[in-house]
PDB file of N, CA and C in Angstrom:
ATOM      1  N   UNK A   1     191.958 -93.975  14.956  1.00  0.00           N
ATOM      2  CA  UNK A   1     192.814 -93.573  15.938  1.00  0.00           C
ATOM      3  C   UNK A   1     193.899 -94.383  15.913  1.00  0.00           C
ATOM      4  N   UNK A   2     195.184 -94.121  16.248  1.00  0.00           N
ATOM      5  CA  UNK A   2     196.286 -94.823  16.383  1.00  0.00           C
ATOM      6  C   UNK A   2     196.169 -95.672  17.822  1.00  0.00           C
ATOM      7  N   UNK A   3     196.717 -96.901  17.759  1.00  0.00           N
ATOM      8  CA  UNK A   3     196.680 -97.650  18.846  1.00  0.00           C
ATOM      9  C   UNK A   3     197.373 -97.177  20.122  1.00  0.00           C
ATOM     10  N   UNK A   4     198.589 -96.395  19.913  1.00  0.00           N
ATOM     11  CA  UNK A   4     199.142 -95.701  20.937  1.00  0.00           C
ATOM     12  C   UNK A   4     198.237 -94.673  21.583  1.00  0.00           C
ATOM     13  N   UNK A   5     197.487 -93.997  20.775  1.00  0.00           N
ATOM     14  CA  UNK A   5     196.688 -92.859  21.144  1.00  0.00           C
ATOM     15  C   UNK A   5     195.479 -93.499  22.179  1.00  0.00           C
ATOM     16  N   UNK A   6     195.001 -94.743  21.661  1.00  0.00           N
ATOM     17  CA  UNK A   6     193.927 -95.283  22.511  1.00  0.00           C
ATOM     18  C   UNK A   6     194.410 -95.767  23.848  1.00  0.00           C
ATOM     19  N   UNK A   7     195.777 -96.325  23.645  1.00  0.00           N
ATOM     20  CA  UNK A   7     196.593 -96.875  24.961  1.00  0.00           C
ATOM     21  C   UNK A   7     196.694 -95.830  25.980  1.00  0.00           C
ATOM     22  N   UNK A   8     197.180 -94.608  25.529  1.00  0.00           N
ATOM     23  CA  UNK A   8     197.370 -93.511  26.339  1.00  0.00           C
ATOM     24  C   UNK A   8     196.248 -93.002  27.069  1.00  0.00           C
ATOM     25  N   UNK A   9     195.144 -92.887  26.252  1.00  0.00           N
ATOM     26  CA  UNK A   9     193.889 -92.298  26.673  1.00  0.00           C
ATOM     27  C   UNK A   9     193.235 -93.207  27.719  1.00  0.00           C
ATOM     28  N   UNK A  10     193.383 -94.533  27.593  1.00  0.00           N
ATOM     29  CA  UNK A  10     192.659 -95.644  28.563  1.00  0.00           C
ATOM     30  C   UNK A  10     193.618 -95.523  29.759  1.00  0.00           C
ATOM     31  N   UNK A  11     194.928 -95.433  29.615  1.00  0.00           N
ATOM     32  CA  UNK A  11     195.908 -95.288  30.850  1.00  0.00           C
ATOM     33  C   UNK A  11     195.592 -94.039  31.630  1.00  0.00           C
ATOM     34  N   UNK A  12     195.349 -92.951  30.875  1.00  0.00           N
ATOM     35  CA  UNK A  12     195.157 -91.722  31.668  1.00  0.00           C
ATOM     36  C   UNK A  12     193.825 -91.788  32.392  1.00  0.00           C
ATOM     37  N   UNK A  13     192.841 -92.459  31.870  1.00  0.00           N
ATOM     38  CA  UNK A  13     191.580 -92.594  32.626  1.00  0.00           C
ATOM     39  C   UNK A  13     191.888 -93.400  33.987  1.00  0.00           C
ATOM     40  N   UNK A  14     192.425 -94.694  33.717  1.00  0.00           N
ATOM     41  CA  UNK A  14     192.731 -95.503  34.792  1.00  0.00           C
ATOM     42  C   UNK A  14     193.651 -94.887  35.865  1.00  0.00           C
ATOM     43  N   UNK A  15     194.552 -93.986  35.428  1.00  0.00           N
ATOM     44  CA  UNK A  15     195.514 -93.274  36.498  1.00  0.00           C
ATOM     45  C   UNK A  15     194.665 -92.324  37.249  1.00  0.00           C
ATOM     46  N   UNK A  16     193.699 -91.686  36.521  1.00  0.00           N
ATOM     47  CA  UNK A  16     192.865 -90.633  37.202  1.00  0.00           C
ATOM     48  C   UNK A  16     191.880 -91.329  38.269  1.00  0.00           C
ATOM     49  N   UNK A  17     191.409 -92.394  37.936  1.00  0.00           N
ATOM     50  CA  UNK A  17     190.633 -93.333  38.926  1.00  0.00           C
ATOM     51  C   UNK A  17     191.253 -93.672  40.148  1.00  0.00           C
ATOM     52  N   UNK A  18     192.570 -94.167  39.804  1.00  0.00           N
ATOM     53  CA  UNK A  18     193.366 -94.463  40.831  1.00  0.00           C
ATOM     54  C   UNK A  18     193.858 -93.433  41.856  1.00  0.00           C
ATOM     55  N   UNK A  19     194.038 -92.266  41.201  1.00  0.00           N
ATOM     56  CA  UNK A  19     194.629 -91.005  42.050  1.00  0.00           C
ATOM     57  C   UNK A  19     193.318 -90.575  42.821  1.00  0.00           C
ATOM     58  N   UNK A  20     192.200 -90.507  42.193  1.00  0.00           N
ATOM     59  CA  UNK A  20     190.826 -90.357  43.081  1.00  0.00           C
ATOM     60  C   UNK A  20     190.819 -91.262  44.354  1.00  0.00           C
ATOM     61  N   UNK A  21     190.975 -92.520  44.073  1.00  0.00           N
ATOM     62  CA  UNK A  21     190.667 -93.427  45.057  1.00  0.00           C
ATOM     63  C   UNK A  21     191.812 -93.379  46.192  1.00  0.00           C
ATOM     64  N   UNK A  22     192.947 -93.138  45.814  1.00  0.00           N
ATOM     65  CA  UNK A  22     193.974 -92.865  46.834  1.00  0.00           C
ATOM     66  C   UNK A  22     193.749 -91.485  47.704  1.00  0.00           C
ATOM     67  N   UNK A  23     192.906 -90.598  47.188  1.00  0.00           N
ATOM     68  CA  UNK A  23     192.493 -89.490  47.914  1.00  0.00           C
ATOM     69  C   UNK A  23     191.280 -89.512  48.710  1.00  0.00           C
ATOM     70  N   UNK A  24     190.856 -90.817  48.674  1.00  0.00           N
ATOM     71  CA  UNK A  24     189.591 -91.400  49.348  1.00  0.00           C
ATOM     72  C   UNK A  24     188.222 -90.967  48.618  1.00  0.00           C
ATOM     73  N   UNK A  25     188.221 -90.486  47.542  1.00  0.00           N
ATOM     74  CA  UNK A  25     187.080 -90.085  46.810  1.00  0.00           C
ATOM     75  C   UNK A  25     186.408 -91.317  45.895  1.00  0.00           C
ATOM     76  N   UNK A  26     185.281 -91.270  45.571  1.00  0.00           N
ATOM     77  CA  UNK A  26     184.746 -92.214  44.853  1.00  0.00           C
ATOM     78  C   UNK A  26     184.320 -91.835  43.558  1.00  0.00           C
ATOM     79  N   UNK A  27     184.441 -92.673  42.532  1.00  0.00           N
ATOM     80  CA  UNK A  27     184.251 -92.244  41.019  1.00  0.00           C
ATOM     81  C   UNK A  27     182.832 -92.944  40.635  1.00  0.00           C
ATOM     82  N   UNK A  28     181.999 -92.069  39.990  1.00  0.00           N
ATOM     83  CA  UNK A  28     180.691 -92.720  39.503  1.00  0.00           C
ATOM     84  C   UNK A  28     180.838 -92.555  37.833  1.00  0.00           C
ATOM     85  N   UNK A  29     180.653 -93.668  37.375  1.00  0.00           N
ATOM     86  CA  UNK A  29     180.655 -93.600  35.717  1.00  0.00           C
ATOM     87  C   UNK A  29     179.140 -93.961  35.490  1.00  0.00           C
ATOM     88  N   UNK A  30     178.374 -93.102  35.109  1.00  0.00           N
ATOM     89  CA  UNK A  30     176.976 -93.215  34.759  1.00  0.00           C
ATOM     90  C   UNK A  30     176.505 -94.356  33.959  1.00  0.00           C
ATOM     91  N   UNK A  31     175.631 -95.025  34.649  1.00  0.00           N
ATOM     92  CA  UNK A  31     175.148 -96.375  34.039  1.00  0.00           C
ATOM     93  C   UNK A  31     175.936 -97.402  33.904  1.00  0.00           C
ATOM     94  N   UNK A  32     177.210 -97.236  34.635  1.00  0.00           N
ATOM     95  CA  UNK A  32     178.089 -98.269  34.582  1.00  0.00           C
ATOM     96  C   UNK A  32     178.495 -98.728  35.993  1.00  0.00           C
ATOM     97  N   UNK A  33     178.871 -97.782  36.973  1.00  0.00           N
ATOM     98  CA  UNK A  33     179.067 -98.249  38.226  1.00  0.00           C
ATOM     99  C   UNK A  33     179.877 -97.315  38.959  1.00  0.00           C
ATOM    100  N   UNK A  34     180.069 -97.647  40.358  1.00  0.00           N
ATOM    101  CA  UNK A  34     181.000 -96.617  41.224  1.00  0.00           C
ATOM    102  C   UNK A  34     182.027 -97.464  41.749  1.00  0.00           C
ATOM    103  N   UNK A  35     183.070 -96.723  41.621  1.00  0.00           N
ATOM    104  CA  UNK A  35     184.485 -97.214  42.394  1.00  0.00           C
ATOM    105  C   UNK A  35     184.508 -96.568  43.615  1.00  0.00           C
ATOM    106  N   UNK A  36     184.928 -97.111  44.649  1.00  0.00           N
ATOM    107  CA  UNK A  36     185.250 -96.394  46.001  1.00  0.00           C
ATOM    108  C   UNK A  36     186.118 -97.179  46.881  1.00  0.00           C
ATOM    109  N   UNK A  37     186.672 -96.495  47.938  1.00  0.00           N
ATOM    110  CA  UNK A  37     187.515 -97.308  48.791  1.00  0.00           C
ATOM    111  C   UNK A  37     186.804 -97.680  50.077  1.00  0.00           C
ATOM    112  N   UNK A  38     186.869 -98.921  50.418  1.00  0.00           N
ATOM    113  CA  UNK A  38     186.181 -99.406  51.657  1.00  0.00           C
ATOM    114  C   UNK A  38     187.180 -99.892  52.833  1.00  0.00           C
ATOM    115  N   UNK A  39     187.045 -99.569  54.001  1.00  0.00           N
ATOM    116  CA  UNK A  39     188.063 -99.834  55.048  1.00  0.00           C
ATOM    117  C   UNK A  39     187.491-101.187  55.729  1.00  0.00           C
ATOM    118  N   UNK A  40     188.276-102.215  55.584  1.00  0.00           N
ATOM    119  CA  UNK A  40     187.885-103.356  56.364  1.00  0.00           C
ATOM    120  C   UNK A  40     188.404-103.451  57.720  1.00  0.00           C
ATOM    121  N   UNK A  41     187.475-103.871  58.602  1.00  0.00           N
ATOM    122  CA  UNK A  41     187.673-103.801  60.103  1.00  0.00           C
ATOM    123  C   UNK A  41     188.996-104.859  60.447  1.00  0.00           C
ATOM    124  N   UNK A  42     189.526-104.525  61.505  1.00  0.00           N
ATOM    125  CA  UNK A  42     190.604-105.523  62.126  1.00  0.00           C
ATOM    126  C   UNK A  42     189.717-106.693  62.420  1.00  0.00           C
ATOM    127  N   UNK A  43     190.420-107.950  62.190  1.00  0.00           N
ATOM    128  CA  UNK A  43     189.822-109.104  62.774  1.00  0.00           C
ATOM    129  C   UNK A  43     190.846-110.234  63.100  1.00  0.00           C
ATOM    130  N   UNK A  44     190.294-111.234  63.531  1.00  0.00           N
ATOM    131  CA  UNK A  44     191.239-112.469  64.032  1.00  0.00           C
ATOM    132  C   UNK A  44     191.276-113.408  62.832  1.00  0.00           C
ATOM    133  N   UNK A  45     192.495-113.808  62.268  1.00  0.00           N
ATOM    134  CA  UNK A  45     192.637-114.655  61.356  1.00  0.00           C
ATOM    135  C   UNK A  45     193.253-115.930  61.921  1.00  0.00           C
ATOM    136  N   UNK A  46     193.370-116.882  60.919  1.00  0.00           N
ATOM    137  CA  UNK A  46     194.045-118.317  61.371  1.00  0.00           C
ATOM    138  C   UNK A  46     194.997-118.631  60.421  1.00  0.00           C
ATOM    139  N   UNK A  47     196.099-119.056  60.917  1.00  0.00           N
ATOM    140  CA  UNK A  47     197.136-119.583  60.246  1.00  0.00           C
ATOM    141  C   UNK A  47     196.874-120.998  59.733  1.00  0.00           C
ATOM    142  N   UNK A  48     196.625-121.254  58.451  1.00  0.00           N
ATOM    143  CA  UNK A  48     196.175-122.636  58.135  1.00  0.00           C
ATOM    144  C   UNK A  48     197.134-123.635  58.438  1.00  0.00           C
ATOM    145  N   UNK A  49     198.434-123.452  58.450  1.00  0.00           N
ATOM    146  CA  UNK A  49     199.458-124.582  58.820  1.00  0.00           C
ATOM    147  C   UNK A  49     199.429-124.962  60.327  1.00  0.00           C
ATOM    148  N   UNK A  50     199.395-123.815  61.074  1.00  0.00           N
ATOM    149  CA  UNK A  50     199.617-124.369  62.569  1.00  0.00           C
ATOM    150  C   UNK A  50     198.191-124.036  63.228  1.00  0.00           C
ATOM    151  N   UNK A  51     197.130-123.511  62.634  1.00  0.00           N
ATOM    152  CA  UNK A  51     195.879-123.302  63.337  1.00  0.00           C
ATOM    153  C   UNK A  51     195.875-122.292  64.349  1.00  0.00           C
ATOM    154  N   UNK A  52     197.078-121.625  64.405  1.00  0.00           N
ATOM    155  CA  UNK A  52     197.278-120.512  65.349  1.00  0.00           C
ATOM    156  C   UNK A  52     196.442-119.158  64.852  1.00  0.00           C
ATOM    157  N   UNK A  53     195.712-118.553  65.891  1.00  0.00           N
ATOM    158  CA  UNK A  53     195.063-117.258  65.511  1.00  0.00           C
ATOM    159  C   UNK A  53     195.967-116.159  65.438  1.00  0.00           C
ATOM    160  N   UNK A  54     195.848-115.356  64.516  1.00  0.00           N
ATOM    161  CA  UNK A  54     196.736-114.100  64.414  1.00  0.00           C
ATOM    162  C   UNK A  54     195.968-112.993  64.127  1.00  0.00           C
ATOM    163  N   UNK A  55     196.410-111.859  64.619  1.00  0.00           N
ATOM    164  CA  UNK A  55     195.433-110.587  64.278  1.00  0.00           C
ATOM    165  C   UNK A  55     195.694-110.046  62.952  1.00  0.00           C
ATOM    166  N   UNK A  56     194.643-109.644  62.253  1.00  0.00           N
ATOM    167  CA  UNK A  56     194.756-109.255  60.937  1.00  0.00           C
ATOM    168  C   UNK A  56     194.405-107.474  60.986  1.00  0.00           C
ATOM    169  N   UNK A  57     195.210-106.675  60.701  1.00  0.00           N
ATOM    170  CA  UNK A  57     195.025-105.266  60.869  1.00  0.00           C
ATOM    171  C   UNK A  57     193.839-104.828  59.961  1.00  0.00           C
ATOM    172  N   UNK A  58     193.318-103.703  60.176  1.00  0.00           N
ATOM    173  CA  UNK A  58     192.374-102.954  59.285  1.00  0.00           C
ATOM    174  C   UNK A  58     193.113-102.382  58.054  1.00  0.00           C
ATOM    175  N   UNK A  59     192.409-102.467  56.844  1.00  0.00           N
ATOM    176  CA  UNK A  59     193.057-102.055  55.623  1.00  0.00           C
ATOM    177  C   UNK A  59     192.120-101.466  54.545  1.00  0.00           C
ATOM    178  N   UNK A  60     192.584-100.725  53.735  1.00  0.00           N
ATOM    179  CA  UNK A  60     191.846-100.209  52.774  1.00  0.00           C
ATOM    180  C   UNK A  60     191.667-101.140  51.516  1.00  0.00           C
ATOM    181  N   UNK A  61     190.461-101.202  50.835  1.00  0.00           N
ATOM    182  CA  UNK A  61     190.373-102.035  49.677  1.00  0.00           C
ATOM    183  C   UNK A  61     189.587-101.269  48.640  1.00  0.00           C
ATOM    184  N   UNK A  62     189.888-101.292  47.380  1.00  0.00           N
ATOM    185  CA  UNK A  62     189.143-100.905  46.308  1.00  0.00           C
ATOM    186  C   UNK A  62     187.784-101.634  45.943  1.00  0.00           C
ATOM    187  N   UNK A  63     186.696-101.096  45.848  1.00  0.00           N
ATOM    188  CA  UNK A  63     185.640-101.816  45.467  1.00  0.00           C
ATOM    189  C   UNK A  63     184.806-101.216  44.280  1.00  0.00           C
ATOM    190  N   UNK A  64     184.066-102.134  43.621  1.00  0.00           N
ATOM    191  CA  UNK A  64     183.324-101.814  42.644  1.00  0.00           C
ATOM    192  C   UNK A  64     181.818-102.030  42.718  1.00  0.00           C
ATOM    193  N   UNK A  65     180.874-101.283  42.422  1.00  0.00           N
ATOM    194  CA  UNK A  65     179.491-101.647  42.733  1.00  0.00           C
ATOM    195  C   UNK A  65     178.755-101.297  41.150  1.00  0.00           C
ATOM    196  N   UNK A  66     178.379-102.336  40.638  1.00  0.00           N
ATOM    197  CA  UNK A  66     177.766-102.047  39.112  1.00  0.00           C
ATOM    198  C   UNK A  66     176.578-101.209  39.268  1.00  0.00           C
ATOM    199  N   UNK A  67     176.361-100.467  38.178  1.00  0.00           N
ATOM    200  CA  UNK A  67     175.150 -99.579  38.040  1.00  0.00           C
ATOM    201  C   UNK A  67     173.896-100.484  37.524  1.00  0.00           C
ATOM    202  N   UNK A  68     172.826 -99.947  37.638  1.00  0.00           N
ATOM    203  CA  UNK A  68     171.574-100.477  37.300  1.00  0.00           C
ATOM    204  C   UNK A  68     171.603-100.920  35.727  1.00  0.00           C
ATOM    205  N   UNK A  69     171.983-100.107  34.814  1.00  0.00           N
ATOM    206  CA  UNK A  69     172.049-100.498  33.457  1.00  0.00           C
ATOM    207  C   UNK A  69     173.053-101.526  33.122  1.00  0.00           C
ATOM    208  N   UNK A  70     174.260-101.696  33.750  1.00  0.00           N
ATOM    209  CA  UNK A  70     175.190-102.718  33.637  1.00  0.00           C
ATOM    210  C   UNK A  70     174.593-103.915  34.216  1.00  0.00           C
ATOM    211  N   UNK A  71     173.882-103.944  35.297  1.00  0.00           N
ATOM    212  CA  UNK A  71     173.456-105.190  35.901  1.00  0.00           C
ATOM    213  C   UNK A  71     172.181-105.642  34.967  1.00  0.00           C
ATOM    214  N   UNK A  72     171.426-104.859  34.354  1.00  0.00           N
ATOM    215  CA  UNK A  72     170.448-105.307  33.496  1.00  0.00           C
ATOM    216  C   UNK A  72     170.952-105.962  32.247  1.00  0.00           C
ATOM    217  N   UNK A  73     171.915-105.326  31.669  1.00  0.00           N
ATOM    218  CA  UNK A  73     172.688-105.781  30.363  1.00  0.00           C
ATOM    219  C   UNK A  73     173.389-107.215  30.599  1.00  0.00           C
ATOM    220  N   UNK A  74     173.841-107.350  31.919  1.00  0.00           N
ATOM    221  CA  UNK A  74     174.624-108.605  32.162  1.00  0.00           C
ATOM    222  C   UNK A  74     173.522-109.889  32.377  1.00  0.00           C
ATOM    223  N   UNK A  75     172.312-109.529  32.621  1.00  0.00           N
ATOM    224  CA  UNK A  75     171.366-110.639  32.778  1.00  0.00           C
ATOM    225  C   UNK A  75     171.099-111.558  31.559  1.00  0.00           C
TER     226      UNK A  75
END
């Protein structure tokens, strides 16, 4: 395979995962893991310079949970 073909294929896979996450879906890659979106709750943070408490709004973050086979192979 040409390097550009491999690069385009990998980019297409990553773009597909990103699009699914943006739609709120989760992606499971068998024996590898699961990508999903998690909503973090709003909380009180602290400005490290002044010590003042500031509100931190809720937000969405992408998370990855490794599958069993990946966990076993990494041991």
